[in-house]
Amino acid sequence: MKVFMIGGTGLLGCEAAIQLIKHGHEVTSVALPPLPVGAPIPEEMELIFQDINKMSDEDVLKMLEGKDAFIFAAGVDERVEFPAPVMDYYTKFNIAPLERLLPLCKKAGVKRAVVLGSYFSWFTKQNPEMKLDEKNKYFKSRLIQEKVCEDACDDNFSCKVLELPYIFGTQPGRKPVWTILIEQIKMMDKLPCTLYPKGGTAMLTCRQVGEVICGAAEREVPGFEAFPIGMYNLKWDEFLKIVYDARGMGPNRKIIGVPPIMMKMGMVKVANDYKKRKIDSGMDPFNLPDIMDKDIFYSCKISEELGATPDDIKAAIFDSIKVSVASYEGKVKLLEMKGE
């Protein structure tokens, strides 16, 4: 199979390329320079350093010619900050590229596509009474992204969206997204305990994401499918004990679960900070406590069916936090995550 990918040098795209090549597939990727120093980019992958959003349709069609599958391993998540209106940026990075590229894929004869989405789409659909897409622009944007993918499908073209949860693992030379967590919990270091929500989250390692991307690209089931992807379910207190251990504070930090109302009191400061810095958050800070109070858990069955194999999630969390702390403290200079 010949695969065309956007974002093949990123944390997840690189892992996908490794797995695809292991399975005997050819991979071509468009990516933005520079390459992270030391990243295990497969030598077998053909790299084209371009901004695909600035390329003509004719040039994109030439790159797509003869390809069997398209993978969109790019975009931005809710942790990337933007000024108002934030929906413009989600449209620019997550929606508009697919509105343009999926029809071009079909025109070039590509038969299937895989798009990296968010498990907040799954959570929103599972809990309509919470009206999460009305309160959180990021959630709304991911649902729109899925609709674009669904509308592109026909008898000759299929599209699979991977609704990805928290992902752990590192890529040499690239800054993890978890520095934001270090900032959040560091203010409680002097307290005898950490106050945090009572819920939990599904998660998996970046290697497992690469395996699932490969499996979804190989999948020959026609039409649109959205898969909730995850391998492990951890409560927040279980997760934070690993985080504190990685920070050198030991694994026995006391974590006290607090109700949403208490966390919402703390969100006043966050909301005022956003207002001061003119940030339009894709996630309502006063809705976040209600979300984090839930167990956003699901079965690993689908992920395993798509090829995910066991991995050491605790080691992946530990490594992610160690690198995040080093970056936060300015001990290393790393490339930022980017939307491609």
C-alpha atoms as a PDB file:
ATOM      1  CA  MET A   1       0.000   0.000   0.000  1.00  0.00           C
ATOM      2  CA  LYS A   2       1.195   3.504  -0.830  1.00  0.00           C
ATOM      3  CA  VAL A   3       0.370   6.049   1.859  1.00  0.00           C
ATOM      4  CA  PHE A   4       0.361   9.843   1.757  1.00  0.00           C
ATOM      5  CA  MET A   5       0.550  11.529   5.163  1.00  0.00           C
ATOM      6  CA  ILE A   6       0.444  15.046   6.502  1.00  0.00           C
ATOM      7  CA  GLY A   7       2.562  15.390   9.639  1.00  0.00           C
ATOM      8  CA  GLY A   8       4.905  12.431   9.273  1.00  0.00           C
ATOM      9  CA  THR A   9       7.647  14.055  11.371  1.00  0.00           C
ATOM     10  CA  GLY A  10       5.390  14.776  14.365  1.00  0.00           C
ATOM     11  CA  LEU A  11       5.152  12.630  17.468  1.00  0.00           C
ATOM     12  CA  LEU A  12       2.236  10.545  16.199  1.00  0.00           C
ATOM     13  CA  GLY A  13       2.875  10.756  12.470  1.00  0.00           C
ATOM     14  CA  CYS A  14       6.414   9.489  12.955  1.00  0.00           C
ATOM     15  CA  GLU A  15       5.149   6.519  14.970  1.00  0.00           C
ATOM     16  CA  ALA A  16       2.570   5.803  12.271  1.00  0.00           C
ATOM     17  CA  ALA A  17       5.258   5.878   9.583  1.00  0.00           C
ATOM     18  CA  ILE A  18       7.409   3.437  11.571  1.00  0.00           C
ATOM     19  CA  GLN A  19       4.520   0.993  11.883  1.00  0.00           C
ATOM     20  CA  LEU A  20       3.399   1.342   8.265  1.00  0.00           C
ATOM     21  CA  ILE A  21       6.907   0.693   6.977  1.00  0.00           C
ATOM     22  CA  LYS A  22       7.206  -2.332   9.280  1.00  0.00           C
ATOM     23  CA  HIS A  23       4.070  -3.649   7.603  1.00  0.00           C
ATOM     24  CA  GLY A  24       5.645  -3.257   4.178  1.00  0.00           C
ATOM     25  CA  HIS A  25       3.905  -0.077   3.081  1.00  0.00           C
ATOM     26  CA  GLU A  26       5.453   2.919   1.291  1.00  0.00           C
ATOM     27  CA  VAL A  27       5.054   6.277   3.032  1.00  0.00           C
ATOM     28  CA  THR A  28       5.317   9.793   1.632  1.00  0.00           C
ATOM     29  CA  SER A  29       4.775  12.734   3.950  1.00  0.00           C
ATOM     30  CA  VAL A  30       4.449  16.481   3.707  1.00  0.00           C
ATOM     31  CA  ALA A  31       5.759  18.186   6.833  1.00  0.00           C
ATOM     32  CA  LEU A  32       6.974  21.537   8.083  1.00  0.00           C
ATOM     33  CA  PRO A  33      10.671  21.944   8.870  1.00  0.00           C
ATOM     34  CA  PRO A  34      12.776  21.796  10.922  1.00  0.00           C
ATOM     35  CA  LEU A  35      13.204  18.190  11.975  1.00  0.00           C
ATOM     36  CA  PRO A  36      13.524  17.616  15.732  1.00  0.00           C
ATOM     37  CA  VAL A  37      17.130  16.692  16.524  1.00  0.00           C
ATOM     38  CA  GLY A  38      17.470  12.986  17.221  1.00  0.00           C
ATOM     39  CA  ALA A  39      13.930  12.044  16.204  1.00  0.00           C
ATOM     40  CA  PRO A  40      13.663   8.497  14.809  1.00  0.00           C
ATOM     41  CA  ILE A  41      12.310   9.560  11.418  1.00  0.00           C
ATOM     42  CA  PRO A  42      12.332   6.445   9.183  1.00  0.00           C
ATOM     43  CA  GLU A  43      14.867   6.766   6.395  1.00  0.00           C
ATOM     44  CA  GLU A  44      12.472   4.884   4.123  1.00  0.00           C
ATOM     45  CA  MET A  45       9.838   7.627   4.361  1.00  0.00           C
ATOM     46  CA  GLU A  46       9.893  10.153   1.533  1.00  0.00           C
ATOM     47  CA  LEU A  47       9.731  13.626   3.048  1.00  0.00           C
ATOM     48  CA  ILE A  48       8.481  16.734   1.284  1.00  0.00           C
ATOM     49  CA  PHE A  49       9.092  19.908   3.289  1.00  0.00           C
ATOM     50  CA  GLN A  50       6.194  22.122   2.294  1.00  0.00           C
ATOM     51  CA  ASP A  51       3.177  23.876   3.772  1.00  0.00           C
ATOM     52  CA  ILE A  52       0.429  21.940   2.027  1.00  0.00           C
ATOM     53  CA  ASN A  53      -2.039  24.758   2.699  1.00  0.00           C
ATOM     54  CA  LYS A  54       0.035  26.967   0.399  1.00  0.00           C
ATOM     55  CA  MET A  55       0.349  24.418  -2.410  1.00  0.00           C
ATOM     56  CA  SER A  56      -1.899  24.482  -5.465  1.00  0.00           C
ATOM     57  CA  ASP A  57      -4.517  21.801  -5.987  1.00  0.00           C
ATOM     58  CA  GLU A  58      -2.600  20.649  -9.043  1.00  0.00           C
ATOM     59  CA  ASP A  59       0.581  20.097  -7.038  1.00  0.00           C
ATOM     60  CA  VAL A  60      -1.313  18.244  -4.305  1.00  0.00           C
ATOM     61  CA  LEU A  61      -2.993  16.011  -6.888  1.00  0.00           C
ATOM     62  CA  LYS A  62       0.406  15.091  -8.297  1.00  0.00           C
ATOM     63  CA  MET A  63       1.571  13.981  -4.849  1.00  0.00           C
ATOM     64  CA  LEU A  64      -1.626  11.983  -4.327  1.00  0.00           C
ATOM     65  CA  GLU A  65      -1.420  10.231  -7.659  1.00  0.00           C
ATOM     66  CA  GLY A  66      -0.989   6.480  -7.232  1.00  0.00           C
ATOM     67  CA  LYS A  67      -1.579   6.553  -3.460  1.00  0.00           C
ATOM     68  CA  ASP A  68      -3.959   4.121  -1.759  1.00  0.00           C
ATOM     69  CA  ALA A  69      -4.474   5.821   1.605  1.00  0.00           C
ATOM     70  CA  PHE A  70      -4.316   9.320   3.102  1.00  0.00           C
ATOM     71  CA  ILE A  71      -3.469  10.043   6.756  1.00  0.00           C
ATOM     72  CA  PHE A  72      -4.092  13.384   8.451  1.00  0.00           C
ATOM     73  CA  ALA A  73      -1.754  13.373  11.466  1.00  0.00           C
ATOM     74  CA  ALA A  74      -1.812  17.120  11.976  1.00  0.00           C
ATOM     75  CA  GLY A  75      -3.986  19.796  13.546  1.00  0.00           C
ATOM     76  CA  VAL A  76      -4.167  21.409  16.999  1.00  0.00           C
ATOM     77  CA  ASP A  77      -5.863  20.494  20.250  1.00  0.00           C
ATOM     78  CA  GLU A  78      -7.472  22.463  23.075  1.00  0.00           C
ATOM     79  CA  ARG A  79      -4.135  23.101  24.803  1.00  0.00           C
ATOM     80  CA  VAL A  80      -2.934  25.432  22.053  1.00  0.00           C
ATOM     81  CA  GLU A  81      -3.964  28.995  22.879  1.00  0.00           C
ATOM     82  CA  PHE A  82      -5.435  31.441  20.351  1.00  0.00           C
ATOM     83  CA  PRO A  83      -7.033  34.894  20.426  1.00  0.00           C
ATOM     84  CA  ALA A  84     -10.722  35.328  19.649  1.00  0.00           C
ATOM     85  CA  PRO A  85     -12.443  33.933  17.726  1.00  0.00           C
ATOM     86  CA  VAL A  86     -10.802  30.571  18.437  1.00  0.00           C
ATOM     87  CA  MET A  87     -13.134  28.735  16.031  1.00  0.00           C
ATOM     88  CA  ASP A  88     -11.331  30.467  13.167  1.00  0.00           C
ATOM     89  CA  TYR A  89      -8.118  28.709  14.176  1.00  0.00           C
ATOM     90  CA  TYR A  90      -9.750  25.319  14.693  1.00  0.00           C
ATOM     91  CA  THR A  91     -11.264  25.714  11.246  1.00  0.00           C
ATOM     92  CA  LYS A  92      -7.917  26.681   9.767  1.00  0.00           C
ATOM     93  CA  PHE A  93      -5.932  23.785  11.254  1.00  0.00           C
ATOM     94  CA  ASN A  94      -8.455  20.980  11.796  1.00  0.00           C
ATOM     95  CA  ILE A  95     -11.397  21.444   9.446  1.00  0.00           C
ATOM     96  CA  ALA A  96     -10.544  23.453   6.327  1.00  0.00           C
ATOM     97  CA  PRO A  97      -7.580  21.230   5.322  1.00  0.00           C
ATOM     98  CA  LEU A  98      -9.894  18.204   5.235  1.00  0.00           C
ATOM     99  CA  GLU A  99     -12.630  20.076   3.389  1.00  0.00           C
ATOM    100  CA  ARG A 100     -10.039  20.683   0.691  1.00  0.00           C
ATOM    101  CA  LEU A 101      -7.936  17.526   0.791  1.00  0.00           C
ATOM    102  CA  LEU A 102     -10.548  14.773   1.033  1.00  0.00           C
ATOM    103  CA  PRO A 103     -12.162  15.733  -2.306  1.00  0.00           C
ATOM    104  CA  LEU A 104      -8.677  15.906  -3.834  1.00  0.00           C
ATOM    105  CA  CYS A 105      -7.966  12.420  -2.501  1.00  0.00           C
ATOM    106  CA  LYS A 106     -11.099  11.117  -4.187  1.00  0.00           C
ATOM    107  CA  LYS A 107     -10.231  12.881  -7.418  1.00  0.00           C
ATOM    108  CA  ALA A 108      -6.769  11.292  -7.370  1.00  0.00           C
ATOM    109  CA  GLY A 109      -8.204   7.813  -6.808  1.00  0.00           C
ATOM    110  CA  VAL A 110      -7.213   7.407  -3.137  1.00  0.00           C
ATOM    111  CA  LYS A 111      -9.547   4.834  -1.606  1.00  0.00           C
ATOM    112  CA  ARG A 112      -9.413   5.557   2.134  1.00  0.00           C
ATOM    113  CA  ALA A 113      -8.370   8.090   4.728  1.00  0.00           C
ATOM    114  CA  VAL A 114      -7.482   8.105   8.422  1.00  0.00           C
ATOM    115  CA  VAL A 115      -7.939  11.280  10.485  1.00  0.00           C
ATOM    116  CA  LEU A 116      -6.630  11.866  14.000  1.00  0.00           C
ATOM    117  CA  GLY A 117      -9.481  13.296  16.062  1.00  0.00           C
ATOM    118  CA  SER A 118     -10.348  13.658  19.744  1.00  0.00           C
ATOM    119  CA  TYR A 119     -12.083  11.524  22.359  1.00  0.00           C
ATOM    120  CA  PHE A 120     -13.985  14.635  23.364  1.00  0.00           C
ATOM    121  CA  SER A 121     -16.102  13.975  20.263  1.00  0.00           C
ATOM    122  CA  TRP A 122     -16.974  10.546  21.633  1.00  0.00           C
ATOM    123  CA  PHE A 123     -17.646  11.974  25.094  1.00  0.00           C
ATOM    124  CA  THR A 124     -19.904  14.697  23.665  1.00  0.00           C
ATOM    125  CA  LYS A 125     -21.935  12.189  21.672  1.00  0.00           C
ATOM    126  CA  GLN A 126     -22.257   9.892  24.681  1.00  0.00           C
ATOM    127  CA  ASN A 127     -23.505  12.703  26.957  1.00  0.00           C
ATOM    128  CA  PRO A 128     -25.885  14.925  24.950  1.00  0.00           C
ATOM    129  CA  GLU A 129     -27.525  16.203  28.136  1.00  0.00           C
ATOM    130  CA  MET A 130     -24.259  17.988  29.052  1.00  0.00           C
ATOM    131  CA  LYS A 131     -24.402  20.096  25.851  1.00  0.00           C
ATOM    132  CA  LEU A 132     -20.613  20.031  25.696  1.00  0.00           C
ATOM    133  CA  ASP A 133     -20.406  21.216  22.085  1.00  0.00           C
ATOM    134  CA  GLU A 134     -22.405  24.333  23.008  1.00  0.00           C
ATOM    135  CA  LYS A 135     -20.115  25.159  25.929  1.00  0.00           C
ATOM    136  CA  ASN A 136     -16.756  24.206  24.414  1.00  0.00           C
ATOM    137  CA  LYS A 137     -15.720  25.422  20.979  1.00  0.00           C
ATOM    138  CA  TYR A 138     -13.025  22.777  20.716  1.00  0.00           C
ATOM    139  CA  PHE A 139     -15.560  19.983  21.155  1.00  0.00           C
ATOM    140  CA  LYS A 140     -17.789  21.597  18.534  1.00  0.00           C
ATOM    141  CA  SER A 141     -14.894  21.858  16.086  1.00  0.00           C
ATOM    142  CA  ARG A 142     -14.030  18.174  16.431  1.00  0.00           C
ATOM    143  CA  LEU A 143     -17.644  17.172  15.755  1.00  0.00           C
ATOM    144  CA  ILE A 144     -17.613  19.367  12.649  1.00  0.00           C
ATOM    145  CA  GLN A 145     -14.374  17.687  11.594  1.00  0.00           C
ATOM    146  CA  GLU A 146     -16.008  14.271  11.902  1.00  0.00           C
ATOM    147  CA  LYS A 147     -18.995  15.448   9.839  1.00  0.00           C
ATOM    148  CA  VAL A 148     -16.643  16.594   7.070  1.00  0.00           C
ATOM    149  CA  CYS A 149     -15.089  13.125   7.063  1.00  0.00           C
ATOM    150  CA  GLU A 150     -18.465  11.386   7.040  1.00  0.00           C
ATOM    151  CA  ASP A 151     -19.788  13.544   4.197  1.00  0.00           C
ATOM    152  CA  ALA A 152     -16.747  12.701   2.066  1.00  0.00           C
ATOM    153  CA  CYS A 153     -17.468   8.957   2.149  1.00  0.00           C
ATOM    154  CA  ASP A 154     -19.118   7.116  -0.714  1.00  0.00           C
ATOM    155  CA  ASP A 155     -18.995   3.667  -2.315  1.00  0.00           C
ATOM    156  CA  ASN A 156     -15.400   4.262  -3.441  1.00  0.00           C
ATOM    157  CA  PHE A 157     -13.988   6.201  -0.502  1.00  0.00           C
ATOM    158  CA  SER A 158     -13.912   5.448   3.229  1.00  0.00           C
ATOM    159  CA  CYS A 159     -12.740   7.572   6.149  1.00  0.00           C
ATOM    160  CA  LYS A 160     -11.857   6.478   9.680  1.00  0.00           C
ATOM    161  CA  VAL A 161     -11.585   9.010  12.517  1.00  0.00           C
ATOM    162  CA  LEU A 162      -9.534   7.967  15.540  1.00  0.00           C
ATOM    163  CA  GLU A 163     -10.997   9.595  18.652  1.00  0.00           C
ATOM    164  CA  LEU A 164      -7.767   9.827  20.621  1.00  0.00           C
ATOM    165  CA  PRO A 165      -7.509  10.412  24.399  1.00  0.00           C
ATOM    166  CA  TYR A 166      -4.464  11.371  26.468  1.00  0.00           C
ATOM    167  CA  ILE A 167      -1.274  10.163  24.775  1.00  0.00           C
ATOM    168  CA  PHE A 168       2.080   9.633  26.453  1.00  0.00           C
ATOM    169  CA  GLY A 169       5.557   9.133  25.082  1.00  0.00           C
ATOM    170  CA  THR A 170       8.322  11.371  23.838  1.00  0.00           C
ATOM    171  CA  GLN A 171      10.060  12.213  20.612  1.00  0.00           C
ATOM    172  CA  PRO A 172      13.689  13.318  20.938  1.00  0.00           C
ATOM    173  CA  GLY A 173      14.005  17.004  20.174  1.00  0.00           C
ATOM    174  CA  ARG A 174      10.305  17.849  20.482  1.00  0.00           C
ATOM    175  CA  LYS A 175       8.557  19.542  23.415  1.00  0.00           C
ATOM    176  CA  PRO A 176       5.788  17.461  25.027  1.00  0.00           C
ATOM    177  CA  VAL A 177       2.387  19.032  25.558  1.00  0.00           C
ATOM    178  CA  TRP A 178       2.487  18.197  29.264  1.00  0.00           C
ATOM    179  CA  THR A 179       4.395  21.306  30.359  1.00  0.00           C
ATOM    180  CA  ILE A 180       0.952  22.863  30.907  1.00  0.00           C
ATOM    181  CA  LEU A 181       0.230  20.221  33.564  1.00  0.00           C
ATOM    182  CA  ILE A 182       3.476  21.074  35.348  1.00  0.00           C
ATOM    183  CA  GLU A 183       2.402  24.710  35.468  1.00  0.00           C
ATOM    184  CA  GLN A 184      -1.008  23.774  36.882  1.00  0.00           C
ATOM    185  CA  ILE A 185       0.099  21.540  39.734  1.00  0.00           C
ATOM    186  CA  LYS A 186       3.339  23.313  40.686  1.00  0.00           C
ATOM    187  CA  MET A 187       1.395  25.972  42.602  1.00  0.00           C
ATOM    188  CA  MET A 188       0.285  23.267  45.066  1.00  0.00           C
ATOM    189  CA  ASP A 189       3.793  21.942  45.766  1.00  0.00           C
ATOM    190  CA  LYS A 190       4.021  23.690  49.130  1.00  0.00           C
ATOM    191  CA  LEU A 191       0.708  22.254  50.296  1.00  0.00           C
ATOM    192  CA  PRO A 192       0.626  18.930  52.193  1.00  0.00           C
ATOM    193  CA  CYS A 193      -1.601  17.484  49.464  1.00  0.00           C
ATOM    194  CA  THR A 194      -2.846  18.101  45.933  1.00  0.00           C
ATOM    195  CA  LEU A 195      -6.486  18.943  45.294  1.00  0.00           C
ATOM    196  CA  TYR A 196      -7.715  17.518  42.005  1.00  0.00           C
ATOM    197  CA  PRO A 197     -10.936  16.276  40.374  1.00  0.00           C
ATOM    198  CA  LYS A 198     -12.257  12.805  41.157  1.00  0.00           C
ATOM    199  CA  GLY A 199     -12.616  11.477  37.600  1.00  0.00           C
ATOM    200  CA  GLY A 200     -10.199   9.830  35.233  1.00  0.00           C
ATOM    201  CA  THR A 201      -9.269   9.349  31.612  1.00  0.00           C
ATOM    202  CA  ALA A 202      -8.536   6.818  28.929  1.00  0.00           C
ATOM    203  CA  MET A 203      -4.982   6.917  27.603  1.00  0.00           C
ATOM    204  CA  LEU A 204      -2.377   5.092  25.547  1.00  0.00           C
ATOM    205  CA  THR A 205       1.220   5.438  24.366  1.00  0.00           C
ATOM    206  CA  CYS A 206       2.349   7.121  21.173  1.00  0.00           C
ATOM    207  CA  ARG A 207       3.634   3.793  19.862  1.00  0.00           C
ATOM    208  CA  GLN A 208       0.173   2.327  20.285  1.00  0.00           C
ATOM    209  CA  VAL A 209      -1.312   5.271  18.394  1.00  0.00           C
ATOM    210  CA  GLY A 210       1.069   4.496  15.527  1.00  0.00           C
ATOM    211  CA  GLU A 211      -0.100   0.879  15.534  1.00  0.00           C
ATOM    212  CA  VAL A 212      -3.753   1.909  15.468  1.00  0.00           C
ATOM    213  CA  ILE A 213      -3.178   4.397  12.639  1.00  0.00           C
ATOM    214  CA  CYS A 214      -1.560   1.633  10.622  1.00  0.00           C
ATOM    215  CA  GLY A 215      -4.440  -0.730  11.346  1.00  0.00           C
ATOM    216  CA  ALA A 216      -7.037   1.860  10.389  1.00  0.00           C
ATOM    217  CA  ALA A 217      -5.209   2.602   7.119  1.00  0.00           C
ATOM    218  CA  GLU A 218      -5.212  -1.107   6.280  1.00  0.00           C
ATOM    219  CA  ARG A 219      -8.893  -1.514   7.175  1.00  0.00           C
ATOM    220  CA  GLU A 220     -11.007  -2.295   4.105  1.00  0.00           C
ATOM    221  CA  VAL A 221     -14.452  -1.798   5.671  1.00  0.00           C
ATOM    222  CA  PRO A 222     -16.288   0.742   3.494  1.00  0.00           C
ATOM    223  CA  GLY A 223     -17.810   4.015   4.655  1.00  0.00           C
ATOM    224  CA  PHE A 224     -17.338   6.253   7.683  1.00  0.00           C
ATOM    225  CA  GLU A 225     -16.303   4.997  11.108  1.00  0.00           C
ATOM    226  CA  ALA A 226     -15.297   6.869  14.267  1.00  0.00           C
ATOM    227  CA  PHE A 227     -13.348   4.759  16.747  1.00  0.00           C
ATOM    228  CA  PRO A 228     -12.888   5.555  20.471  1.00  0.00           C
ATOM    229  CA  ILE A 229      -9.213   4.704  20.921  1.00  0.00           C
ATOM    230  CA  GLY A 230      -7.639   3.843  24.265  1.00  0.00           C
ATOM    231  CA  MET A 231      -5.706   1.086  26.031  1.00  0.00           C
ATOM    232  CA  TYR A 232      -5.652   2.088  29.710  1.00  0.00           C
ATOM    233  CA  ASN A 233      -8.078   3.792  32.108  1.00  0.00           C
ATOM    234  CA  LEU A 234      -6.550   5.689  35.042  1.00  0.00           C
ATOM    235  CA  LYS A 235      -8.175   7.780  37.741  1.00  0.00           C
ATOM    236  CA  TRP A 236      -6.612  11.211  38.137  1.00  0.00           C
ATOM    237  CA  ASP A 237      -5.082  10.342  41.501  1.00  0.00           C
ATOM    238  CA  GLU A 238      -3.395   7.237  40.025  1.00  0.00           C
ATOM    239  CA  PHE A 239      -2.060   9.339  37.172  1.00  0.00           C
ATOM    240  CA  LEU A 240      -0.789  12.155  39.403  1.00  0.00           C
ATOM    241  CA  LYS A 241       1.151   9.802  41.652  1.00  0.00           C
ATOM    242  CA  ILE A 242       3.195   8.809  38.582  1.00  0.00           C
ATOM    243  CA  VAL A 243       3.585  12.484  37.678  1.00  0.00           C
ATOM    244  CA  TYR A 244       4.891  13.386  41.131  1.00  0.00           C
ATOM    245  CA  ASP A 245       7.269  10.445  41.095  1.00  0.00           C
ATOM    246  CA  ALA A 246       8.649  11.653  37.746  1.00  0.00           C
ATOM    247  CA  ARG A 247       9.091  15.102  39.249  1.00  0.00           C
ATOM    248  CA  GLY A 248      11.309  13.613  41.946  1.00  0.00           C
ATOM    249  CA  MET A 249       8.760  13.999  44.731  1.00  0.00           C
ATOM    250  CA  GLY A 250       8.109  10.282  45.205  1.00  0.00           C
ATOM    251  CA  PRO A 251       5.064   8.144  44.369  1.00  0.00           C
ATOM    252  CA  ASN A 252       3.212   8.706  47.645  1.00  0.00           C
ATOM    253  CA  ARG A 253       1.984  12.275  47.257  1.00  0.00           C
ATOM    254  CA  LYS A 254      -1.459  12.607  48.845  1.00  0.00           C
ATOM    255  CA  ILE A 255      -4.125  13.430  46.248  1.00  0.00           C
ATOM    256  CA  ILE A 256      -7.535  14.543  47.503  1.00  0.00           C
ATOM    257  CA  GLY A 257     -10.466  14.406  45.106  1.00  0.00           C
ATOM    258  CA  VAL A 258     -12.595  17.552  45.122  1.00  0.00           C
ATOM    259  CA  PRO A 259     -16.112  18.167  43.774  1.00  0.00           C
ATOM    260  CA  PRO A 260     -16.582  20.340  40.661  1.00  0.00           C
ATOM    261  CA  ILE A 261     -17.814  23.304  42.694  1.00  0.00           C
ATOM    262  CA  MET A 262     -14.463  23.619  44.453  1.00  0.00           C
ATOM    263  CA  MET A 263     -12.513  23.455  41.212  1.00  0.00           C
ATOM    264  CA  LYS A 264     -14.817  26.065  39.661  1.00  0.00           C
ATOM    265  CA  MET A 265     -13.826  28.512  42.390  1.00  0.00           C
ATOM    266  CA  GLY A 266     -10.233  28.137  41.227  1.00  0.00           C
ATOM    267  CA  MET A 267     -11.261  28.647  37.614  1.00  0.00           C
ATOM    268  CA  VAL A 268     -12.086  32.311  38.278  1.00  0.00           C
ATOM    269  CA  LYS A 269      -8.361  33.053  38.263  1.00  0.00           C
ATOM    270  CA  VAL A 270      -7.899  31.093  35.045  1.00  0.00           C
ATOM    271  CA  ALA A 271     -10.780  32.903  33.333  1.00  0.00           C
ATOM    272  CA  ASN A 272      -9.401  36.289  34.400  1.00  0.00           C
ATOM    273  CA  ASP A 273      -5.965  35.325  33.079  1.00  0.00           C
ATOM    274  CA  TYR A 274      -7.468  34.394  29.699  1.00  0.00           C
ATOM    275  CA  LYS A 275      -9.299  37.716  29.606  1.00  0.00           C
ATOM    276  CA  LYS A 276      -6.160  39.650  30.489  1.00  0.00           C
ATOM    277  CA  ARG A 277      -4.117  37.913  27.793  1.00  0.00           C
ATOM    278  CA  LYS A 278      -7.010  38.074  25.280  1.00  0.00           C
ATOM    279  CA  ILE A 279      -7.139  34.289  24.954  1.00  0.00           C
ATOM    280  CA  ASP A 280     -10.321  32.680  23.635  1.00  0.00           C
ATOM    281  CA  SER A 281     -10.188  29.252  25.256  1.00  0.00           C
ATOM    282  CA  GLY A 282     -11.565  26.344  23.259  1.00  0.00           C
ATOM    283  CA  MET A 283     -12.634  24.755  26.540  1.00  0.00           C
ATOM    284  CA  ASP A 284     -14.880  26.634  28.964  1.00  0.00           C
ATOM    285  CA  PRO A 285     -12.878  26.795  32.225  1.00  0.00           C
ATOM    286  CA  PHE A 286     -16.116  26.625  34.222  1.00  0.00           C
ATOM    287  CA  ASN A 287     -17.265  23.511  32.364  1.00  0.00           C
ATOM    288  CA  LEU A 288     -13.894  21.776  32.718  1.00  0.00           C
ATOM    289  CA  PRO A 289     -14.493  20.743  36.377  1.00  0.00           C
ATOM    290  CA  ASP A 290     -17.693  18.916  35.393  1.00  0.00           C
ATOM    291  CA  ILE A 291     -15.809  17.101  32.630  1.00  0.00           C
ATOM    292  CA  MET A 292     -12.847  16.138  34.799  1.00  0.00           C
ATOM    293  CA  ASP A 293     -15.208  14.823  37.475  1.00  0.00           C
ATOM    294  CA  LYS A 294     -16.269  12.083  35.021  1.00  0.00           C
ATOM    295  CA  ASP A 295     -14.524   8.825  34.228  1.00  0.00           C
ATOM    296  CA  ILE A 296     -13.931   9.145  30.485  1.00  0.00           C
ATOM    297  CA  PHE A 297     -13.143   5.468  30.192  1.00  0.00           C
ATOM    298  CA  TYR A 298     -13.689   2.926  27.455  1.00  0.00           C
ATOM    299  CA  SER A 299     -12.740  -0.562  26.367  1.00  0.00           C
ATOM    300  CA  CYS A 300      -9.441  -1.321  24.644  1.00  0.00           C
ATOM    301  CA  LYS A 301     -11.179  -3.838  22.351  1.00  0.00           C
ATOM    302  CA  ILE A 302     -11.340  -1.601  19.271  1.00  0.00           C
ATOM    303  CA  SER A 303      -7.738  -0.458  19.681  1.00  0.00           C
ATOM    304  CA  GLU A 304      -6.569  -4.064  19.932  1.00  0.00           C
ATOM    305  CA  GLU A 305      -8.614  -4.999  16.856  1.00  0.00           C
ATOM    306  CA  LEU A 306      -6.790  -2.231  14.981  1.00  0.00           C
ATOM    307  CA  GLY A 307      -3.403  -3.617  16.025  1.00  0.00           C
ATOM    308  CA  ALA A 308      -2.470  -1.965  19.335  1.00  0.00           C
ATOM    309  CA  THR A 309      -0.185  -4.143  21.447  1.00  0.00           C
ATOM    310  CA  PRO A 310       0.627  -3.904  25.184  1.00  0.00           C
ATOM    311  CA  ASP A 311       3.019  -1.177  26.321  1.00  0.00           C
ATOM    312  CA  ASP A 312       4.261   0.306  29.588  1.00  0.00           C
ATOM    313  CA  ILE A 313       1.947   3.266  30.155  1.00  0.00           C
ATOM    314  CA  LYS A 314       3.526   4.174  33.506  1.00  0.00           C
ATOM    315  CA  ALA A 315       6.973   4.414  31.902  1.00  0.00           C
ATOM    316  CA  ALA A 316       5.527   6.508  29.066  1.00  0.00           C
ATOM    317  CA  ILE A 317       3.909   8.922  31.544  1.00  0.00           C
ATOM    318  CA  PHE A 318       7.124   9.065  33.583  1.00  0.00           C
ATOM    319  CA  ASP A 319       9.256   9.880  30.522  1.00  0.00           C
ATOM    320  CA  SER A 320       6.783  12.486  29.231  1.00  0.00           C
ATOM    321  CA  ILE A 321       6.777  14.308  32.562  1.00  0.00           C
ATOM    322  CA  LYS A 322      10.568  14.171  32.972  1.00  0.00           C
ATOM    323  CA  VAL A 323      11.053  15.864  29.597  1.00  0.00           C
ATOM    324  CA  SER A 324       8.240  18.327  30.317  1.00  0.00           C
ATOM    325  CA  VAL A 325       9.856  19.361  33.602  1.00  0.00           C
ATOM    326  CA  ALA A 326      13.226  19.866  31.893  1.00  0.00           C
ATOM    327  CA  SER A 327      11.554  22.001  29.244  1.00  0.00           C
ATOM    328  CA  TYR A 328       9.541  23.979  31.806  1.00  0.00           C
ATOM    329  CA  GLU A 329      12.695  24.712  33.801  1.00  0.00           C
ATOM    330  CA  GLY A 330      14.552  25.821  30.667  1.00  0.00           C
ATOM    331  CA  LYS A 331      17.136  23.050  30.889  1.00  0.00           C
ATOM    332  CA  VAL A 332      16.518  21.937  27.291  1.00  0.00           C
ATOM    333  CA  LYS A 333      15.389  23.714  24.147  1.00  0.00           C
ATOM    334  CA  LEU A 334      12.894  21.691  22.149  1.00  0.00           C
ATOM    335  CA  LEU A 335      10.732  22.206  19.092  1.00  0.00           C
ATOM    336  CA  GLU A 336       7.145  23.112  19.838  1.00  0.00           C
ATOM    337  CA  MET A 337       4.279  20.939  18.668  1.00  0.00           C
ATOM    338  CA  LYS A 338       2.785  22.442  15.537  1.00  0.00           C
ATOM    339  CA  GLY A 339      -0.370  22.196  13.508  1.00  0.00           C
ATOM    340  CA  GLU A 340       1.452  21.358  10.282  1.00  0.00           C
END
